Amino acid sequence: MTATHQQALQAAHALGLDRLDAQLLLLHALGRPDSDRAWLLAHDDDPLPQPAADVLRRLSLRRAAGEPLAYIVGYKDFFGLRFAVDSRVLVPRPDTETLVQWVLDAAEKAMAETTRILDLGTGSGAIAVAVAATLSQNRLAGLTAATAYAVDAVDASAAALAVAAENAKNLQANVQHVQSVQFIQSNWFDNVSGCYHVIASNPPYIASADPHLGALTHEPQEALTAGPDGLDDLYLIIEQAPAHLLAGGWLLLEHGYDQADAVRARLTQRGFTQVQSRPDLAGIARCSGGQWLPAKTADK
């Protein structure tokens, strides 16, 4: 007997899926966009074709086993753009949009002939590509006085860089006049040359013994953990960043929900000024940063 849409959703729920995930997977199985949830509600009693029912069952089992929804459907929307994602990269989180906006704000204030921006640990390329796309569109719309931007993105993983490069390529193919992003394989700053007006990073910041890691077995573990307190990579970036920052440049970092005080203290200790944090969508201090003013510049 053919199941209806509503019965298929009930079966997915019985496997442990929440309502939203079940609806999105059903839409995906039907080949319809995420925005059709209202359509789905209006067609509760429609029969579900058997091929779609088979797909939904297979996808629901993957989700019930803990695989992220974005890996299952193959994409994640971030900062108004759609990014391809799979198990080679972490799924972009909405809270990271706070970091993207801060990068855009800092870039606009740089007032340079060519503003140089570096994204460390780019993963899917979400930060770098979103920044490049927004800056390009702002220039096209006459919303900025800057003449040019150069965005570089770094990752130690060749597999992650392949995903990031594909996302940049797809965006350029679908959005006119988007600034290209240059990708560099490097362990943090090892293969980075030159200096930047803005350096941004969403590095690993989960403690190596964090009990929540058991629920994240599908994600690349090297992109998640950083030492016993999760601060190792953040501290390394803070220590090395000044050698790659122009005078007046900004270092902007995403970190864990309880790490803002430690990150701000280390930024201050390293000599950064205007050290501050910005909240995520839940109001938690999720990003911290500071401006680099070398002593001879600060004394003028």
Protein backbone atom coordinates (compact mmCIF):
# COMPACT_ATOMS: atom_id res chain seq x y z
CA MET A 1 0.00 0.00 0.00
CA THR A 2 1.33 3.44 -0.98
CA ALA A 3 2.04 5.73 1.97
CA THR A 4 0.97 9.36 2.06
CA HIS A 5 3.33 12.24 2.73
CA GLN A 6 2.03 12.45 6.30
CA GLN A 7 2.53 8.72 6.89
CA ALA A 8 6.07 8.94 5.51
CA LEU A 9 6.84 11.77 7.91
CA GLN A 10 5.44 9.74 10.81
CA ALA A 11 7.67 6.82 9.84
CA ALA A 12 10.72 9.11 9.80
CA HIS A 13 9.73 10.48 13.20
CA ALA A 14 9.49 6.92 14.53
CA LEU A 15 13.14 6.48 13.57
CA GLY A 16 14.03 9.42 15.83
CA LEU A 17 14.07 12.33 13.36
CA ASP A 18 12.64 15.65 14.43
CA ARG A 19 9.86 17.20 12.36
CA LEU A 20 12.01 19.71 10.48
CA ASP A 21 14.65 17.17 9.44
CA ALA A 22 11.96 14.75 8.29
CA GLN A 23 10.25 17.45 6.23
CA LEU A 24 13.50 18.58 4.61
CA LEU A 25 14.49 15.02 3.73
CA LEU A 26 11.05 14.34 2.27
CA LEU A 27 11.30 17.46 0.12
CA HIS A 28 14.78 16.37 -0.97
CA ALA A 29 13.47 12.90 -1.87
CA LEU A 30 10.70 14.54 -3.90
CA GLY A 31 13.17 16.85 -5.68
CA ARG A 32 11.54 19.96 -4.26
CA PRO A 33 13.30 22.97 -2.63
CA ASP A 34 13.58 23.51 1.12
CA SER A 35 11.22 26.48 0.80
CA ASP A 36 8.33 24.15 -0.08
CA ARG A 37 7.52 23.20 3.52
CA ALA A 38 4.19 25.04 3.23
CA TRP A 39 3.42 23.05 0.08
CA LEU A 40 4.22 19.86 1.97
CA LEU A 41 1.77 20.73 4.73
CA ALA A 42 -0.93 21.37 2.15
CA HIS A 43 -0.34 17.97 0.52
CA ASP A 44 -0.37 15.71 3.59
CA ASP A 45 -2.63 13.19 1.92
CA ASP A 46 -0.80 12.97 -1.40
CA PRO A 47 0.58 9.49 -2.14
CA LEU A 48 4.36 9.27 -1.98
CA PRO A 49 5.80 7.63 -5.12
CA GLN A 50 7.69 4.46 -4.27
CA PRO A 51 11.07 5.68 -5.61
CA ALA A 52 10.82 8.75 -3.35
CA ALA A 53 9.73 6.56 -0.44
CA ASP A 54 12.82 4.39 -0.90
CA VAL A 55 15.08 7.44 -1.00
CA LEU A 56 13.44 8.91 2.10
CA ARG A 57 13.87 5.67 4.02
CA ARG A 58 17.56 5.46 3.13
CA LEU A 59 18.22 9.10 4.01
CA SER A 60 16.24 8.87 7.25
CA LEU A 61 18.35 5.94 8.42
CA ARG A 62 21.50 7.98 7.80
CA ARG A 63 20.10 10.92 9.77
CA ALA A 64 18.98 8.62 12.59
CA ALA A 65 22.58 7.35 12.81
CA GLY A 66 23.73 10.89 13.52
CA GLU A 67 24.98 11.99 10.10
CA PRO A 68 24.52 15.76 9.66
CA LEU A 69 21.59 16.74 7.47
CA ALA A 70 23.88 18.88 5.30
CA TYR A 71 26.08 15.89 4.44
CA ILE A 72 23.01 13.89 3.46
CA VAL A 73 21.53 16.51 1.12
CA GLY A 74 24.99 17.75 0.04
CA TYR A 75 24.70 21.43 0.81
CA LYS A 76 24.29 24.10 3.48
CA ASP A 77 23.02 27.65 3.09
CA PHE A 78 25.29 30.25 4.69
CA PHE A 79 25.25 34.06 4.50
CA GLY A 80 22.66 33.90 1.73
CA LEU A 81 24.74 31.51 -0.39
CA ARG A 82 24.57 27.75 -0.95
CA PHE A 83 27.74 25.76 -0.21
CA ALA A 84 28.44 22.17 -1.17
CA VAL A 85 29.55 20.18 1.88
CA ASP A 86 30.49 16.60 2.64
CA SER A 87 32.49 14.69 5.23
CA ARG A 88 35.74 16.36 4.10
CA VAL A 89 34.70 19.63 5.78
CA LEU A 90 32.71 20.88 8.73
CA VAL A 91 29.20 22.16 8.07
CA PRO A 92 29.09 26.00 8.17
CA ARG A 93 27.15 27.17 11.22
CA PRO A 94 24.82 30.19 11.27
CA ASP A 95 26.76 31.64 14.24
CA THR A 96 29.84 31.97 12.01
CA GLU A 97 27.98 34.64 10.05
CA THR A 98 28.93 36.90 12.99
CA LEU A 99 32.58 36.46 12.02
CA VAL A 100 31.87 37.11 8.33
CA GLN A 101 30.10 40.37 9.15
CA TRP A 102 32.96 41.49 11.37
CA VAL A 103 35.43 40.79 8.55
CA LEU A 104 33.31 42.88 6.19
CA ASP A 105 33.16 45.73 8.69
CA ALA A 106 36.93 45.67 9.22
CA ALA A 107 37.62 45.47 5.47
CA GLU A 108 35.44 48.48 4.79
CA LYS A 109 37.37 50.51 7.37
CA ALA A 110 40.78 49.56 5.97
CA MET A 111 40.58 52.30 3.29
CA ALA A 112 43.37 50.72 1.27
CA GLU A 113 43.88 50.73 -2.47
CA THR A 114 43.76 46.94 -2.29
CA THR A 115 42.41 45.46 0.93
CA ARG A 116 43.99 42.07 1.66
CA ILE A 117 42.03 39.47 3.65
CA LEU A 118 43.14 36.03 4.85
CA ASP A 119 40.87 33.19 5.98
CA LEU A 120 42.82 30.64 8.03
CA GLY A 121 41.43 27.09 8.12
CA THR A 122 38.88 27.77 5.39
CA GLY A 123 37.27 24.30 5.30
CA SER A 124 34.36 24.54 2.87
CA GLY A 125 35.47 28.06 1.96
CA ALA A 126 32.33 29.53 3.53
CA ILE A 127 34.01 32.53 5.19
CA ALA A 128 36.33 33.42 2.31
CA VAL A 129 33.73 32.94 -0.43
CA ALA A 130 30.99 34.79 1.48
CA VAL A 131 33.37 37.70 2.11
CA ALA A 132 34.53 37.81 -1.52
CA ALA A 133 30.98 37.61 -2.84
CA THR A 134 29.66 40.33 -0.55
CA LEU A 135 32.55 42.71 -1.17
CA SER A 136 32.23 42.21 -4.93
CA GLN A 137 28.50 42.82 -4.89
CA ASN A 138 28.91 45.91 -2.68
CA ARG A 139 31.43 47.34 -5.15
CA LEU A 140 29.14 46.57 -8.07
CA ALA A 141 26.25 48.31 -6.31
CA GLY A 142 28.41 51.32 -5.40
CA LEU A 143 28.06 50.64 -1.68
CA THR A 144 31.78 50.88 -0.96
CA ALA A 145 34.54 53.31 -1.85
CA ALA A 146 37.26 50.65 -1.88
CA THR A 147 38.88 49.97 -5.24
CA ALA A 148 39.96 46.33 -4.88
CA TYR A 149 40.07 43.35 -2.54
CA ALA A 150 42.29 40.27 -2.45
CA VAL A 151 40.99 37.28 -0.51
CA ASP A 152 43.25 34.33 0.30
CA ALA A 153 42.09 31.12 1.97
CA VAL A 154 44.32 28.59 3.75
CA ASP A 155 43.78 25.03 4.87
CA ALA A 156 46.15 22.20 5.76
CA SER A 157 43.81 19.66 4.16
CA ALA A 158 44.02 19.18 0.41
CA ALA A 159 40.62 17.47 0.55
CA ALA A 160 39.03 20.50 2.24
CA LEU A 161 40.64 22.87 -0.27
CA ALA A 162 39.09 20.84 -3.10
CA VAL A 163 35.64 21.46 -1.61
CA ALA A 164 36.39 25.14 -1.05
CA ALA A 165 37.69 25.65 -4.59
CA GLU A 166 34.60 23.98 -6.03
CA ASN A 167 32.37 26.27 -3.98
CA ALA A 168 34.25 29.33 -5.22
CA LYS A 169 34.01 28.09 -8.81
CA ASN A 170 30.27 27.44 -8.53
CA LEU A 171 29.64 30.86 -7.04
CA GLN A 172 31.59 32.65 -9.74
CA ALA A 173 29.64 30.71 -12.37
CA ASN A 174 26.30 31.83 -10.90
CA VAL A 175 27.01 35.37 -9.67
CA GLN A 176 28.52 37.95 -12.00
CA HIS A 177 31.59 39.99 -11.08
CA VAL A 178 32.41 38.00 -7.96
CA GLN A 179 35.97 38.43 -6.75
CA SER A 180 38.03 35.27 -7.07
CA VAL A 181 39.56 33.61 -4.00
CA GLN A 182 43.12 32.29 -3.95
CA PHE A 183 43.58 28.99 -2.11
CA ILE A 184 46.80 27.96 -0.33
CA GLN A 185 47.59 24.61 1.27
CA SER A 186 49.32 25.43 4.51
CA ASN A 187 49.41 24.47 8.16
CA TRP A 188 48.24 27.85 9.46
CA PHE A 189 50.89 30.44 8.45
CA ASP A 190 53.61 28.02 7.29
CA ASN A 191 53.16 28.71 3.56
CA VAL A 192 51.64 32.17 3.85
CA SER A 193 53.63 35.15 2.59
CA GLY A 194 52.86 38.84 2.74
CA CYS A 195 50.72 40.83 5.14
CA TYR A 196 47.00 41.47 5.42
CA HIS A 197 44.55 44.11 6.58
CA VAL A 198 42.26 41.42 8.07
CA ILE A 199 43.02 37.88 9.20
CA ALA A 200 40.02 35.76 10.18
CA SER A 201 39.83 32.23 11.47
CA ASN A 202 37.31 29.73 12.77
CA PRO A 203 39.87 27.19 14.00
CA PRO A 204 39.34 23.97 15.96
CA TYR A 205 38.42 24.92 19.53
CA ILE A 206 36.86 21.85 21.16
CA ALA A 207 38.76 20.24 24.03
CA SER A 208 40.21 16.86 23.07
CA ALA A 209 38.31 15.10 25.87
CA ASP A 210 35.00 16.92 25.39
CA PRO A 211 32.15 14.42 25.94
CA HIS A 212 30.16 15.92 23.04
CA LEU A 213 32.70 14.60 20.51
CA GLY A 214 30.93 11.26 20.59
CA ALA A 215 28.06 12.84 18.66
CA LEU A 216 30.38 14.29 16.01
CA THR A 217 31.91 11.13 14.58
CA HIS A 218 30.88 11.99 11.00
CA GLU A 219 32.86 15.26 10.93
CA PRO A 220 36.63 15.52 10.30
CA GLN A 221 38.07 15.33 13.81
CA GLU A 222 41.19 17.35 12.94
CA ALA A 223 38.90 20.31 12.27
CA LEU A 224 37.27 20.06 15.71
CA THR A 225 39.78 19.57 18.53
CA ALA A 226 42.76 21.61 19.70
CA GLY A 227 44.41 20.31 22.84
CA PRO A 228 43.14 19.62 26.35
CA ASP A 229 41.30 22.95 26.68
CA GLY A 230 40.60 23.62 22.99
CA LEU A 231 42.78 26.73 22.95
CA ASP A 232 45.98 25.45 21.33
CA ASP A 233 45.25 26.60 17.78
CA LEU A 234 43.70 29.88 18.88
CA TYR A 235 46.83 30.71 20.90
CA LEU A 236 49.13 29.68 18.05
CA ILE A 237 47.29 31.97 15.62
CA ILE A 238 47.40 34.87 18.07
CA GLU A 239 51.12 34.38 18.54
CA GLN A 240 51.97 34.19 14.83
CA ALA A 241 49.45 36.59 13.29
CA PRO A 242 51.33 39.88 13.94
CA ALA A 243 54.04 38.84 11.47
CA HIS A 244 51.33 38.74 8.79
CA LEU A 245 49.31 41.82 9.72
CA LEU A 246 49.77 45.29 8.29
CA ALA A 247 49.87 48.16 10.78
CA GLY A 248 46.30 48.74 11.93
CA GLY A 249 45.19 45.31 10.70
CA TRP A 250 42.68 43.17 12.57
CA LEU A 251 42.82 39.58 13.80
CA LEU A 252 39.29 38.15 14.20
CA LEU A 253 38.67 34.72 15.75
CA GLU A 254 35.69 32.48 16.36
CA HIS A 255 35.93 30.38 19.54
CA GLY A 256 33.92 28.30 21.98
CA TYR A 257 31.05 29.62 24.06
CA ASP A 258 33.21 29.78 27.21
CA GLN A 259 36.54 30.88 25.70
CA ALA A 260 36.04 34.62 25.13
CA ASP A 261 37.81 35.71 28.32
CA ALA A 262 40.85 33.52 27.63
CA VAL A 263 41.10 34.64 23.99
CA ARG A 264 40.78 38.33 24.84
CA ALA A 265 43.41 37.97 27.58
CA ARG A 266 45.85 36.31 25.16
CA LEU A 267 45.22 38.99 22.50
CA THR A 268 45.95 41.70 25.03
CA GLN A 269 49.04 39.89 26.30
CA ARG A 270 50.35 39.59 22.72
CA GLY A 271 50.02 43.35 22.24
CA PHE A 272 46.76 43.77 20.34
CA THR A 273 44.68 46.87 20.99
CA GLN A 274 40.91 47.51 20.90
CA VAL A 275 40.44 43.91 22.03
CA GLN A 276 36.74 43.05 22.03
CA SER A 277 34.15 40.31 21.42
CA ARG A 278 30.98 40.04 19.36
CA PRO A 279 27.95 37.86 20.22
CA ASP A 280 26.47 35.06 18.14
CA LEU A 281 22.76 34.66 17.37
CA ALA A 282 22.12 33.44 20.92
CA GLY A 283 23.86 36.46 22.46
CA ILE A 284 26.96 34.46 23.48
CA ALA A 285 30.40 36.02 22.97
CA ARG A 286 31.46 33.80 20.06
CA CYS A 287 34.08 35.91 18.24
CA SER A 288 36.95 37.96 19.65
CA GLY A 289 39.52 40.12 17.97
CA GLY A 290 41.94 42.97 18.19
CA GLN A 291 43.87 45.49 16.12
CA TRP A 292 47.61 45.22 15.56
CA LEU A 293 49.53 48.45 16.01
CA PRO A 294 53.32 47.94 16.13
CA ALA A 295 55.00 49.96 18.86
CA LYS A 296 56.53 52.52 16.52
CA THR A 297 53.12 53.06 14.90
CA ALA A 298 51.24 53.25 18.18
CA ASP A 299 53.69 55.87 19.53
CA LYS A 300 53.11 58.32 16.65
